[in-house]
Amino acid sequence: MLQYPSVLKTILRYMVFLIAIVLVFIGICYAIGEQIPKFLLEPISFLNQTKSLGISPWNLNLQEQEVLGSVIMPEDIDETFDSIGGNDHIVDHVQQLVIKPFQSRADKYRNKILLKPPNGILLYGPPGTGKTMIARAIASELGGAFINVTPDLVENKYFGESQKIIKAVFSLADKLKPSVIFIDEIDGLLGKRSMLDQSHVNSCKTQFLSMMDGVTKRDENVIVIGATNNIVGLDPAVKRRMRLQLEVNLPNQEDRQKIFEKIIPLAEVCEDIDMEGLAGITEGFSGSDINEMCKLAAQFALKNNRDIITQEDFVESQQTLG
């Protein structure tokens, strides 16, 4: 007969031995400056995320595991084209040139080089005008993964690691396709090259351009979208790879009214609320400014012990922000 205490002791010894090996491995990684695999640091989170993404956890290298934390699946994206107030011309352009070739009219675009949808899209304009929202809506409409690339993700203290991360962004996008790679403030990562740039900075830019070039020539199921407030500071080579360039300006009065109508829940405001009047007093406001104004108006109503937001609350919040 088996002696259960003896079996348990054996299992316990193996577990302690395994934990010791993992700790030694982590210590060696720290000592030699190597990245620690995510499946060792956060095993449960890592397995859950790969399962939700529908990919094998053993099919990802160390850099792809790190990029995994910046991935948003389409079912987790709230934005759609219907939720965007204003920017109708931008939405129409994207629908015609990007979305339709992937969806209902795909047969009319197949094998026609001149009708090939753009893999590179550049959104430029003032801050707060909805560039990120448009990018997320594109991913949602395509039913694709959204990979948010930030300087924090790319910049790495270890030599050569940044280039590996950049390569992993595109290789992971290929495994998750259809997918959207979104680079916010792209001028910060891919600004004009200069003789004063450090060698690793130029290496990162070259790697980005090389990977983008591969995507725009090869794969229609991966789209790279960049957003910037400073298109002048962007490297010309990046602009050549993003052939669809759309200017997202501050909303006019008609667009501001549409934004108010999208943001304000009618159940939370008084019946005689004047959307047109609100649009008129917010000249120069971005969509982000209008959103903050509505939140501030709700706070003013709460401060005055009211469940319903009045026109006066909106006017007061506009004066506070303006």
C-alpha atoms as a PDB file:
ATOM      1  CA  MET A   1       0.000   0.000   0.000  1.00  0.00           C
ATOM      2  CA  LEU A   2       1.027   3.559  -0.684  1.00  0.00           C
ATOM      3  CA  GLN A   3       2.077   5.616   2.269  1.00  0.00           C
ATOM      4  CA  TYR A   4       0.371   8.942   1.684  1.00  0.00           C
ATOM      5  CA  PRO A   5       2.679  11.014   3.941  1.00  0.00           C
ATOM      6  CA  SER A   6       5.654   9.662   1.968  1.00  0.00           C
ATOM      7  CA  VAL A   7       4.012  10.535  -1.377  1.00  0.00           C
ATOM      8  CA  LEU A   8       3.137  14.017  -0.181  1.00  0.00           C
ATOM      9  CA  LYS A   9       6.698  14.567   0.995  1.00  0.00           C
ATOM     10  CA  THR A  10       7.998  13.529  -2.422  1.00  0.00           C
ATOM     11  CA  ILE A  11       5.585  15.886  -4.209  1.00  0.00           C
ATOM     12  CA  LEU A  12       6.550  18.692  -1.847  1.00  0.00           C
ATOM     13  CA  ARG A  13      10.252  18.114  -2.506  1.00  0.00           C
ATOM     14  CA  TYR A  14       9.671  18.308  -6.284  1.00  0.00           C
ATOM     15  CA  MET A  15       7.657  21.514  -5.882  1.00  0.00           C
ATOM     16  CA  VAL A  16      10.375  23.130  -3.760  1.00  0.00           C
ATOM     17  CA  PHE A  17      13.000  21.984  -6.268  1.00  0.00           C
ATOM     18  CA  LEU A  18      10.969  23.456  -9.160  1.00  0.00           C
ATOM     19  CA  ILE A  19      10.457  26.766  -7.344  1.00  0.00           C
ATOM     20  CA  ALA A  20      14.182  26.919  -6.606  1.00  0.00           C
ATOM     21  CA  ILE A  21      14.979  26.416 -10.298  1.00  0.00           C
ATOM     22  CA  VAL A  22      12.557  29.195 -11.299  1.00  0.00           C
ATOM     23  CA  LEU A  23      14.040  31.590  -8.729  1.00  0.00           C
ATOM     24  CA  VAL A  24      17.570  30.815  -9.874  1.00  0.00           C
ATOM     25  CA  PHE A  25      16.522  31.382 -13.499  1.00  0.00           C
ATOM     26  CA  ILE A  26      14.945  34.749 -12.601  1.00  0.00           C
ATOM     27  CA  GLY A  27      18.087  35.700 -10.691  1.00  0.00           C
ATOM     28  CA  ILE A  28      20.285  34.854 -13.677  1.00  0.00           C
ATOM     29  CA  CYS A  29      18.036  36.921 -15.968  1.00  0.00           C
ATOM     30  CA  TYR A  30      18.404  39.915 -13.662  1.00  0.00           C
ATOM     31  CA  ALA A  31      22.175  39.420 -13.428  1.00  0.00           C
ATOM     32  CA  ILE A  32      22.834  39.244 -17.174  1.00  0.00           C
ATOM     33  CA  GLY A  33      20.189  41.811 -18.144  1.00  0.00           C
ATOM     34  CA  GLU A  34      17.841  39.401 -19.920  1.00  0.00           C
ATOM     35  CA  GLN A  35      14.096  39.837 -19.960  1.00  0.00           C
ATOM     36  CA  ILE A  36      12.111  37.537 -17.651  1.00  0.00           C
ATOM     37  CA  PRO A  37       9.365  35.565 -19.457  1.00  0.00           C
ATOM     38  CA  LYS A  38       5.882  36.778 -18.637  1.00  0.00           C
ATOM     39  CA  PHE A  39       4.626  33.232 -18.116  1.00  0.00           C
ATOM     40  CA  LEU A  40       6.983  32.981 -15.117  1.00  0.00           C
ATOM     41  CA  LEU A  41       6.066  36.338 -13.587  1.00  0.00           C
ATOM     42  CA  GLU A  42       2.292  36.206 -14.205  1.00  0.00           C
ATOM     43  CA  PRO A  43       1.455  32.641 -15.296  1.00  0.00           C
ATOM     44  CA  ILE A  44      -2.309  32.736 -14.682  1.00  0.00           C
ATOM     45  CA  SER A  45      -2.773  36.122 -16.326  1.00  0.00           C
ATOM     46  CA  PHE A  46      -0.610  35.048 -19.265  1.00  0.00           C
ATOM     47  CA  LEU A  47      -2.548  31.818 -19.856  1.00  0.00           C
ATOM     48  CA  ASN A  48      -5.926  33.564 -19.582  1.00  0.00           C
ATOM     49  CA  GLN A  49      -4.912  36.266 -22.031  1.00  0.00           C
ATOM     50  CA  THR A  50      -3.540  33.882 -24.643  1.00  0.00           C
ATOM     51  CA  LYS A  51      -6.695  31.785 -24.318  1.00  0.00           C
ATOM     52  CA  SER A  52      -8.924  34.832 -24.899  1.00  0.00           C
ATOM     53  CA  LEU A  53      -6.802  35.793 -27.922  1.00  0.00           C
ATOM     54  CA  GLY A  54      -7.083  32.299 -29.356  1.00  0.00           C
ATOM     55  CA  ILE A  55      -3.342  31.703 -29.687  1.00  0.00           C
ATOM     56  CA  SER A  56      -1.027  29.104 -28.203  1.00  0.00           C
ATOM     57  CA  PRO A  57       0.960  30.387 -25.190  1.00  0.00           C
ATOM     58  CA  TRP A  58       3.923  28.324 -26.398  1.00  0.00           C
ATOM     59  CA  ASN A  59       3.894  30.045 -29.787  1.00  0.00           C
ATOM     60  CA  LEU A  60       5.090  33.389 -28.409  1.00  0.00           C
ATOM     61  CA  ASN A  61       8.664  34.512 -27.869  1.00  0.00           C
ATOM     62  CA  LEU A  62       9.700  36.700 -24.920  1.00  0.00           C
ATOM     63  CA  GLN A  63       9.171  39.984 -26.759  1.00  0.00           C
ATOM     64  CA  GLU A  64       5.741  38.951 -28.067  1.00  0.00           C
ATOM     65  CA  GLN A  65       4.768  38.101 -24.498  1.00  0.00           C
ATOM     66  CA  GLU A  66       5.659  41.651 -23.479  1.00  0.00           C
ATOM     67  CA  VAL A  67       3.669  43.169 -26.366  1.00  0.00           C
ATOM     68  CA  LEU A  68       0.708  40.990 -25.378  1.00  0.00           C
ATOM     69  CA  GLY A  69      -0.132  43.405 -22.562  1.00  0.00           C
ATOM     70  CA  SER A  70      -0.818  46.150 -25.127  1.00  0.00           C
ATOM     71  CA  VAL A  71      -3.363  44.118 -27.107  1.00  0.00           C
ATOM     72  CA  ILE A  72      -7.096  44.897 -26.999  1.00  0.00           C
ATOM     73  CA  MET A  73      -9.526  42.500 -28.654  1.00  0.00           C
ATOM     74  CA  PRO A  74     -12.439  43.869 -30.756  1.00  0.00           C
ATOM     75  CA  GLU A  75     -15.077  42.716 -28.274  1.00  0.00           C
ATOM     76  CA  ASP A  76     -13.396  44.889 -25.635  1.00  0.00           C
ATOM     77  CA  ILE A  77     -13.445  48.037 -27.805  1.00  0.00           C
ATOM     78  CA  ASP A  78     -16.404  50.315 -27.073  1.00  0.00           C
ATOM     79  CA  GLU A  79     -15.863  52.697 -29.993  1.00  0.00           C
ATOM     80  CA  THR A  80     -17.596  52.201 -33.349  1.00  0.00           C
ATOM     81  CA  PHE A  81     -18.193  54.629 -36.220  1.00  0.00           C
ATOM     82  CA  ASP A  82     -21.711  55.181 -34.842  1.00  0.00           C
ATOM     83  CA  SER A  83     -20.254  56.428 -31.548  1.00  0.00           C
ATOM     84  CA  ILE A  84     -18.139  59.106 -33.269  1.00  0.00           C
ATOM     85  CA  GLY A  85     -19.709  62.564 -33.281  1.00  0.00           C
ATOM     86  CA  GLY A  86     -18.775  64.639 -36.331  1.00  0.00           C
ATOM     87  CA  ASN A  87     -15.808  63.773 -38.559  1.00  0.00           C
ATOM     88  CA  ASP A  88     -18.300  62.419 -41.096  1.00  0.00           C
ATOM     89  CA  HIS A  89     -15.906  62.950 -44.017  1.00  0.00           C
ATOM     90  CA  ILE A  90     -13.180  60.984 -42.185  1.00  0.00           C
ATOM     91  CA  VAL A  91     -15.566  58.111 -41.460  1.00  0.00           C
ATOM     92  CA  ASP A  92     -16.767  58.083 -45.095  1.00  0.00           C
ATOM     93  CA  HIS A  93     -13.176  57.940 -46.371  1.00  0.00           C
ATOM     94  CA  VAL A  94     -12.272  55.085 -44.047  1.00  0.00           C
ATOM     95  CA  GLN A  95     -15.465  53.173 -44.819  1.00  0.00           C
ATOM     96  CA  GLN A  96     -14.883  53.431 -48.561  1.00  0.00           C
ATOM     97  CA  LEU A  97     -11.125  52.863 -48.693  1.00  0.00           C
ATOM     98  CA  VAL A  98     -10.483  50.526 -45.759  1.00  0.00           C
ATOM     99  CA  ILE A  99     -13.574  48.813 -44.352  1.00  0.00           C
ATOM    100  CA  LYS A 100     -15.509  47.917 -47.510  1.00  0.00           C
ATOM    101  CA  PRO A 101     -12.597  46.121 -49.213  1.00  0.00           C
ATOM    102  CA  PHE A 102     -12.450  43.818 -46.147  1.00  0.00           C
ATOM    103  CA  GLN A 103     -16.177  43.245 -45.904  1.00  0.00           C
ATOM    104  CA  SER A 104     -19.223  43.165 -48.139  1.00  0.00           C
ATOM    105  CA  ARG A 105     -17.636  44.289 -51.390  1.00  0.00           C
ATOM    106  CA  ALA A 106     -14.410  42.301 -51.088  1.00  0.00           C
ATOM    107  CA  ASP A 107     -15.098  40.512 -54.403  1.00  0.00           C
ATOM    108  CA  LYS A 108     -15.027  43.809 -56.307  1.00  0.00           C
ATOM    109  CA  TYR A 109     -11.591  44.646 -54.913  1.00  0.00           C
ATOM    110  CA  ARG A 110      -9.912  41.260 -55.275  1.00  0.00           C
ATOM    111  CA  ASN A 111      -6.861  41.154 -57.586  1.00  0.00           C
ATOM    112  CA  LYS A 112      -7.215  44.853 -58.463  1.00  0.00           C
ATOM    113  CA  ILE A 113      -3.939  46.561 -57.598  1.00  0.00           C
ATOM    114  CA  LEU A 114      -5.288  50.113 -57.834  1.00  0.00           C
ATOM    115  CA  LEU A 115      -8.123  49.276 -55.437  1.00  0.00           C
ATOM    116  CA  LYS A 116      -5.882  47.652 -52.828  1.00  0.00           C
ATOM    117  CA  PRO A 117      -6.843  49.054 -49.404  1.00  0.00           C
ATOM    118  CA  PRO A 118      -4.151  51.099 -47.663  1.00  0.00           C
ATOM    119  CA  ASN A 119      -2.201  49.320 -44.939  1.00  0.00           C
ATOM    120  CA  GLY A 120      -0.806  52.594 -43.622  1.00  0.00           C
ATOM    121  CA  ILE A 121      -3.077  55.363 -42.312  1.00  0.00           C
ATOM    122  CA  LEU A 122      -1.916  58.651 -40.801  1.00  0.00           C
ATOM    123  CA  LEU A 123      -4.333  60.709 -38.702  1.00  0.00           C
ATOM    124  CA  TYR A 124      -3.096  64.200 -37.914  1.00  0.00           C
ATOM    125  CA  GLY A 125      -4.551  67.274 -36.284  1.00  0.00           C
ATOM    126  CA  PRO A 126      -4.895  69.103 -32.955  1.00  0.00           C
ATOM    127  CA  PRO A 127      -5.055  67.188 -29.659  1.00  0.00           C
ATOM    128  CA  GLY A 128      -8.397  65.836 -28.489  1.00  0.00           C
ATOM    129  CA  THR A 129     -10.058  65.665 -31.912  1.00  0.00           C
ATOM    130  CA  GLY A 130     -10.738  61.915 -31.820  1.00  0.00           C
ATOM    131  CA  LYS A 131      -7.790  60.371 -33.667  1.00  0.00           C
ATOM    132  CA  THR A 132      -7.439  57.514 -31.179  1.00  0.00           C
ATOM    133  CA  MET A 133     -11.200  56.940 -31.187  1.00  0.00           C
ATOM    134  CA  ILE A 134     -11.180  56.641 -34.994  1.00  0.00           C
ATOM    135  CA  ALA A 135      -8.317  54.132 -34.862  1.00  0.00           C
ATOM    136  CA  ARG A 136     -10.110  52.017 -32.256  1.00  0.00           C
ATOM    137  CA  ALA A 137     -13.333  52.193 -34.289  1.00  0.00           C
ATOM    138  CA  ILE A 138     -11.462  50.886 -37.353  1.00  0.00           C
ATOM    139  CA  ALA A 139     -10.236  47.880 -35.360  1.00  0.00           C
ATOM    140  CA  SER A 140     -13.749  47.304 -34.019  1.00  0.00           C
ATOM    141  CA  GLU A 141     -15.354  47.485 -37.480  1.00  0.00           C
ATOM    142  CA  LEU A 142     -12.764  45.103 -38.931  1.00  0.00           C
ATOM    143  CA  GLY A 143     -13.178  42.711 -36.004  1.00  0.00           C
ATOM    144  CA  GLY A 144      -9.436  42.861 -35.437  1.00  0.00           C
ATOM    145  CA  ALA A 145      -7.046  43.048 -32.512  1.00  0.00           C
ATOM    146  CA  PHE A 146      -5.851  46.530 -31.515  1.00  0.00           C
ATOM    147  CA  ILE A 147      -2.164  46.756 -30.587  1.00  0.00           C
ATOM    148  CA  ASN A 148      -1.370  50.037 -28.852  1.00  0.00           C
ATOM    149  CA  VAL A 149       2.296  50.951 -29.392  1.00  0.00           C
ATOM    150  CA  THR A 150       3.693  53.538 -26.969  1.00  0.00           C
ATOM    151  CA  PRO A 151       7.223  54.827 -26.289  1.00  0.00           C
ATOM    152  CA  ASP A 152       7.157  52.968 -22.947  1.00  0.00           C
ATOM    153  CA  LEU A 153       6.616  49.696 -24.802  1.00  0.00           C
ATOM    154  CA  VAL A 154       9.368  50.235 -27.362  1.00  0.00           C
ATOM    155  CA  GLU A 155      12.075  51.968 -25.368  1.00  0.00           C
ATOM    156  CA  ASN A 156      14.184  49.475 -23.430  1.00  0.00           C
ATOM    157  CA  LYS A 157      17.256  49.917 -21.291  1.00  0.00           C
ATOM    158  CA  TYR A 158      18.909  46.810 -22.717  1.00  0.00           C
ATOM    159  CA  PHE A 159      20.889  47.243 -25.916  1.00  0.00           C
ATOM    160  CA  GLY A 160      19.171  45.723 -28.954  1.00  0.00           C
ATOM    161  CA  GLU A 161      15.973  44.903 -27.049  1.00  0.00           C
ATOM    162  CA  SER A 162      13.965  47.783 -28.560  1.00  0.00           C
ATOM    163  CA  GLN A 163      14.503  46.450 -32.075  1.00  0.00           C
ATOM    164  CA  LYS A 164      13.301  43.023 -30.917  1.00  0.00           C
ATOM    165  CA  ILE A 165      10.170  44.592 -29.390  1.00  0.00           C
ATOM    166  CA  ILE A 166       9.427  46.413 -32.659  1.00  0.00           C
ATOM    167  CA  LYS A 167       9.789  43.165 -34.591  1.00  0.00           C
ATOM    168  CA  ALA A 168       7.553  41.409 -32.036  1.00  0.00           C
ATOM    169  CA  VAL A 169       4.799  44.016 -32.505  1.00  0.00           C
ATOM    170  CA  PHE A 170       4.530  43.106 -36.178  1.00  0.00           C
ATOM    171  CA  SER A 171       4.996  39.349 -35.718  1.00  0.00           C
ATOM    172  CA  LEU A 172       2.259  39.300 -33.051  1.00  0.00           C
ATOM    173  CA  ALA A 173      -0.002  41.384 -35.315  1.00  0.00           C
ATOM    174  CA  ASP A 174       0.539  38.738 -37.993  1.00  0.00           C
ATOM    175  CA  LYS A 175      -0.511  35.967 -35.577  1.00  0.00           C
ATOM    176  CA  LEU A 176      -3.623  37.896 -34.466  1.00  0.00           C
ATOM    177  CA  LYS A 177      -4.722  39.215 -37.867  1.00  0.00           C
ATOM    178  CA  PRO A 178      -6.860  40.934 -38.824  1.00  0.00           C
ATOM    179  CA  SER A 179      -5.176  43.449 -36.588  1.00  0.00           C
ATOM    180  CA  VAL A 180      -4.480  47.157 -36.203  1.00  0.00           C
ATOM    181  CA  ILE A 181      -1.124  48.466 -34.987  1.00  0.00           C
ATOM    182  CA  PHE A 182      -1.761  51.913 -33.511  1.00  0.00           C
ATOM    183  CA  ILE A 183       1.161  54.265 -32.866  1.00  0.00           C
ATOM    184  CA  ASP A 184       0.016  57.333 -30.927  1.00  0.00           C
ATOM    185  CA  GLU A 185       2.222  60.436 -31.122  1.00  0.00           C
ATOM    186  CA  ILE A 186       4.109  58.721 -33.899  1.00  0.00           C
ATOM    187  CA  ASP A 187       6.328  61.770 -34.392  1.00  0.00           C
ATOM    188  CA  GLY A 188       7.891  61.000 -30.998  1.00  0.00           C
ATOM    189  CA  LEU A 189       8.977  57.539 -32.122  1.00  0.00           C
ATOM    190  CA  LEU A 190       9.518  58.236 -35.809  1.00  0.00           C
ATOM    191  CA  GLY A 191      10.456  61.887 -36.026  1.00  0.00           C
ATOM    192  CA  LYS A 192      12.779  63.276 -38.661  1.00  0.00           C
ATOM    193  CA  ARG A 193      16.158  61.621 -38.584  1.00  0.00           C
ATOM    194  CA  SER A 194      19.118  63.780 -37.634  1.00  0.00           C
ATOM    195  CA  MET A 195      22.896  63.529 -37.503  1.00  0.00           C
ATOM    196  CA  LEU A 196      22.550  64.179 -33.770  1.00  0.00           C
ATOM    197  CA  ASP A 197      20.453  61.048 -33.172  1.00  0.00           C
ATOM    198  CA  GLN A 198      22.104  58.300 -31.163  1.00  0.00           C
ATOM    199  CA  SER A 199      22.843  55.082 -33.033  1.00  0.00           C
ATOM    200  CA  HIS A 200      20.216  52.999 -31.204  1.00  0.00           C
ATOM    201  CA  VAL A 201      17.545  55.638 -31.993  1.00  0.00           C
ATOM    202  CA  ASN A 202      18.332  55.423 -35.697  1.00  0.00           C
ATOM    203  CA  SER A 203      18.370  51.626 -35.458  1.00  0.00           C
ATOM    204  CA  CYS A 204      14.855  51.640 -33.964  1.00  0.00           C
ATOM    205  CA  LYS A 205      13.554  53.964 -36.687  1.00  0.00           C
ATOM    206  CA  THR A 206      15.127  51.828 -39.390  1.00  0.00           C
ATOM    207  CA  GLN A 207      13.600  48.681 -37.892  1.00  0.00           C
ATOM    208  CA  PHE A 208      10.156  50.308 -37.728  1.00  0.00           C
ATOM    209  CA  LEU A 209      10.365  51.477 -41.346  1.00  0.00           C
ATOM    210  CA  SER A 210      11.534  48.057 -42.509  1.00  0.00           C
ATOM    211  CA  MET A 211       8.680  46.252 -40.738  1.00  0.00           C
ATOM    212  CA  MET A 212       6.117  48.798 -41.967  1.00  0.00           C
ATOM    213  CA  ASP A 213       7.424  48.391 -45.499  1.00  0.00           C
ATOM    214  CA  GLY A 214       6.918  44.640 -45.259  1.00  0.00           C
ATOM    215  CA  VAL A 215       3.340  45.047 -44.044  1.00  0.00           C
ATOM    216  CA  THR A 216       2.274  47.622 -46.648  1.00  0.00           C
ATOM    217  CA  LYS A 217       3.613  45.458 -49.481  1.00  0.00           C
ATOM    218  CA  ARG A 218       2.592  42.018 -48.249  1.00  0.00           C
ATOM    219  CA  ASP A 219      -0.355  41.707 -45.878  1.00  0.00           C
ATOM    220  CA  GLU A 220      -3.757  43.363 -46.275  1.00  0.00           C
ATOM    221  CA  ASN A 221      -4.943  41.998 -42.929  1.00  0.00           C
ATOM    222  CA  VAL A 222      -2.553  44.126 -40.857  1.00  0.00           C
ATOM    223  CA  ILE A 223      -3.064  47.897 -40.792  1.00  0.00           C
ATOM    224  CA  VAL A 224      -0.658  50.394 -39.270  1.00  0.00           C
ATOM    225  CA  ILE A 225      -2.290  53.595 -38.018  1.00  0.00           C
ATOM    226  CA  GLY A 226      -0.292  56.548 -36.754  1.00  0.00           C
ATOM    227  CA  ALA A 227      -1.623  59.615 -34.953  1.00  0.00           C
ATOM    228  CA  THR A 228       0.207  62.899 -34.517  1.00  0.00           C
ATOM    229  CA  ASN A 229      -0.305  66.521 -33.562  1.00  0.00           C
ATOM    230  CA  ASN A 230       2.875  67.457 -35.416  1.00  0.00           C
ATOM    231  CA  ILE A 231       2.936  66.079 -38.953  1.00  0.00           C
ATOM    232  CA  VAL A 232       5.763  68.469 -39.874  1.00  0.00           C
ATOM    233  CA  GLY A 233       8.076  66.703 -37.420  1.00  0.00           C
ATOM    234  CA  LEU A 234       7.386  63.255 -38.885  1.00  0.00           C
ATOM    235  CA  ASP A 235      10.049  61.489 -40.910  1.00  0.00           C
ATOM    236  CA  PRO A 236       9.216  61.714 -44.653  1.00  0.00           C
ATOM    237  CA  ALA A 237       9.875  57.981 -45.036  1.00  0.00           C
ATOM    238  CA  VAL A 238       6.998  57.278 -42.628  1.00  0.00           C
ATOM    239  CA  LYS A 239       4.617  59.475 -44.612  1.00  0.00           C
ATOM    240  CA  ARG A 240       5.495  57.605 -47.795  1.00  0.00           C
ATOM    241  CA  ARG A 241       4.466  54.338 -46.148  1.00  0.00           C
ATOM    242  CA  MET A 242       1.184  55.801 -44.866  1.00  0.00           C
ATOM    243  CA  ARG A 243      -0.452  56.689 -48.143  1.00  0.00           C
ATOM    244  CA  LEU A 244      -3.837  57.492 -46.622  1.00  0.00           C
ATOM    245  CA  GLN A 245      -3.366  60.727 -44.665  1.00  0.00           C
ATOM    246  CA  LEU A 246      -6.442  62.232 -43.031  1.00  0.00           C
ATOM    247  CA  GLU A 247      -6.572  65.570 -41.236  1.00  0.00           C
ATOM    248  CA  VAL A 248      -8.777  65.509 -38.138  1.00  0.00           C
ATOM    249  CA  ASN A 249      -9.579  69.133 -37.343  1.00  0.00           C
ATOM    250  CA  LEU A 250     -11.407  70.814 -34.480  1.00  0.00           C
ATOM    251  CA  PRO A 251     -15.164  70.318 -34.912  1.00  0.00           C
ATOM    252  CA  ASN A 252     -17.346  73.044 -36.405  1.00  0.00           C
ATOM    253  CA  GLN A 253     -20.652  74.009 -34.792  1.00  0.00           C
ATOM    254  CA  GLU A 254     -22.621  71.267 -36.533  1.00  0.00           C
ATOM    255  CA  ASP A 255     -20.085  68.650 -35.487  1.00  0.00           C
ATOM    256  CA  ARG A 256     -19.988  69.974 -31.916  1.00  0.00           C
ATOM    257  CA  GLN A 257     -23.755  69.561 -31.700  1.00  0.00           C
ATOM    258  CA  LYS A 258     -23.409  65.958 -32.905  1.00  0.00           C
ATOM    259  CA  ILE A 259     -20.751  65.338 -30.248  1.00  0.00           C
ATOM    260  CA  PHE A 260     -23.030  66.721 -27.519  1.00  0.00           C
ATOM    261  CA  GLU A 261     -25.833  64.469 -28.761  1.00  0.00           C
ATOM    262  CA  LYS A 262     -23.541  61.418 -28.606  1.00  0.00           C
ATOM    263  CA  ILE A 263     -22.192  62.211 -25.135  1.00  0.00           C
ATOM    264  CA  ILE A 264     -25.211  63.480 -23.207  1.00  0.00           C
ATOM    265  CA  PRO A 265     -27.674  60.807 -21.945  1.00  0.00           C
ATOM    266  CA  LEU A 266     -31.109  62.409 -22.348  1.00  0.00           C
ATOM    267  CA  ALA A 267     -32.316  60.702 -19.168  1.00  0.00           C
ATOM    268  CA  GLU A 268     -29.778  62.721 -17.167  1.00  0.00           C
ATOM    269  CA  VAL A 269     -30.569  66.223 -18.490  1.00  0.00           C
ATOM    270  CA  CYS A 270     -33.587  68.513 -18.354  1.00  0.00           C
ATOM    271  CA  GLU A 271     -36.094  68.255 -21.201  1.00  0.00           C
ATOM    272  CA  ASP A 272     -35.485  71.763 -22.551  1.00  0.00           C
ATOM    273  CA  ILE A 273     -31.732  71.312 -22.982  1.00  0.00           C
ATOM    274  CA  ASP A 274     -30.500  73.346 -25.976  1.00  0.00           C
ATOM    275  CA  MET A 275     -27.880  71.286 -27.831  1.00  0.00           C
ATOM    276  CA  GLU A 276     -27.559  73.873 -30.580  1.00  0.00           C
ATOM    277  CA  GLY A 277     -26.943  76.591 -28.009  1.00  0.00           C
ATOM    278  CA  LEU A 278     -24.262  74.474 -26.314  1.00  0.00           C
ATOM    279  CA  ALA A 279     -22.571  73.961 -29.664  1.00  0.00           C
ATOM    280  CA  GLY A 280     -22.623  77.714 -30.216  1.00  0.00           C
ATOM    281  CA  ILE A 281     -20.816  78.605 -26.973  1.00  0.00           C
ATOM    282  CA  THR A 282     -18.054  76.034 -27.406  1.00  0.00           C
ATOM    283  CA  GLU A 283     -16.213  77.542 -30.373  1.00  0.00           C
ATOM    284  CA  GLY A 284     -12.648  76.186 -30.441  1.00  0.00           C
ATOM    285  CA  PHE A 285     -13.447  73.188 -28.214  1.00  0.00           C
ATOM    286  CA  SER A 286     -12.218  69.743 -29.230  1.00  0.00           C
ATOM    287  CA  GLY A 287     -14.267  66.587 -28.767  1.00  0.00           C
ATOM    288  CA  SER A 288     -12.196  65.835 -25.666  1.00  0.00           C
ATOM    289  CA  ASP A 289     -12.925  69.333 -24.282  1.00  0.00           C
ATOM    290  CA  ILE A 290     -16.656  68.823 -24.830  1.00  0.00           C
ATOM    291  CA  ASN A 291     -16.517  65.491 -23.028  1.00  0.00           C
ATOM    292  CA  GLU A 292     -14.796  67.110 -20.042  1.00  0.00           C
ATOM    293  CA  MET A 293     -17.348  69.933 -20.088  1.00  0.00           C
ATOM    294  CA  CYS A 294     -20.229  67.449 -19.869  1.00  0.00           C
ATOM    295  CA  LYS A 295     -18.576  65.631 -16.970  1.00  0.00           C
ATOM    296  CA  LEU A 296     -18.009  68.916 -15.163  1.00  0.00           C
ATOM    297  CA  ALA A 297     -21.656  69.909 -15.712  1.00  0.00           C
ATOM    298  CA  ALA A 298     -22.719  66.633 -14.070  1.00  0.00           C
ATOM    299  CA  GLN A 299     -20.490  67.493 -11.097  1.00  0.00           C
ATOM    300  CA  PHE A 300     -22.103  70.933 -10.774  1.00  0.00           C
ATOM    301  CA  ALA A 301     -25.559  69.339 -10.763  1.00  0.00           C
ATOM    302  CA  LEU A 302     -24.452  66.878  -8.079  1.00  0.00           C
ATOM    303  CA  LYS A 303     -22.987  69.701  -6.000  1.00  0.00           C
ATOM    304  CA  ASN A 304     -26.391  71.425  -6.084  1.00  0.00           C
ATOM    305  CA  ASN A 305     -28.186  68.218  -5.026  1.00  0.00           C
ATOM    306  CA  ARG A 306     -29.858  67.709  -8.405  1.00  0.00           C
ATOM    307  CA  ASP A 307     -30.174  64.453 -10.344  1.00  0.00           C
ATOM    308  CA  ILE A 308     -30.902  66.313 -13.584  1.00  0.00           C
ATOM    309  CA  ILE A 309     -28.303  68.476 -15.362  1.00  0.00           C
ATOM    310  CA  THR A 310     -29.606  71.878 -16.458  1.00  0.00           C
ATOM    311  CA  GLN A 311     -28.543  74.284 -19.191  1.00  0.00           C
ATOM    312  CA  GLU A 312     -27.024  76.501 -16.493  1.00  0.00           C
ATOM    313  CA  ASP A 313     -24.753  73.650 -15.380  1.00  0.00           C
ATOM    314  CA  PHE A 314     -23.392  73.329 -18.903  1.00  0.00           C
ATOM    315  CA  VAL A 315     -22.890  77.085 -19.222  1.00  0.00           C
ATOM    316  CA  GLU A 316     -21.055  77.184 -15.889  1.00  0.00           C
ATOM    317  CA  SER A 317     -18.820  74.285 -16.894  1.00  0.00           C
ATOM    318  CA  GLN A 318     -18.060  75.968 -20.243  1.00  0.00           C
ATOM    319  CA  GLN A 319     -17.058  79.156 -18.470  1.00  0.00           C
ATOM    320  CA  THR A 320     -14.865  77.177 -16.078  1.00  0.00           C
ATOM    321  CA  LEU A 321     -13.030  75.405 -18.908  1.00  0.00           C
ATOM    322  CA  GLY A 322     -13.069  78.249 -21.407  1.00  0.00           C
END
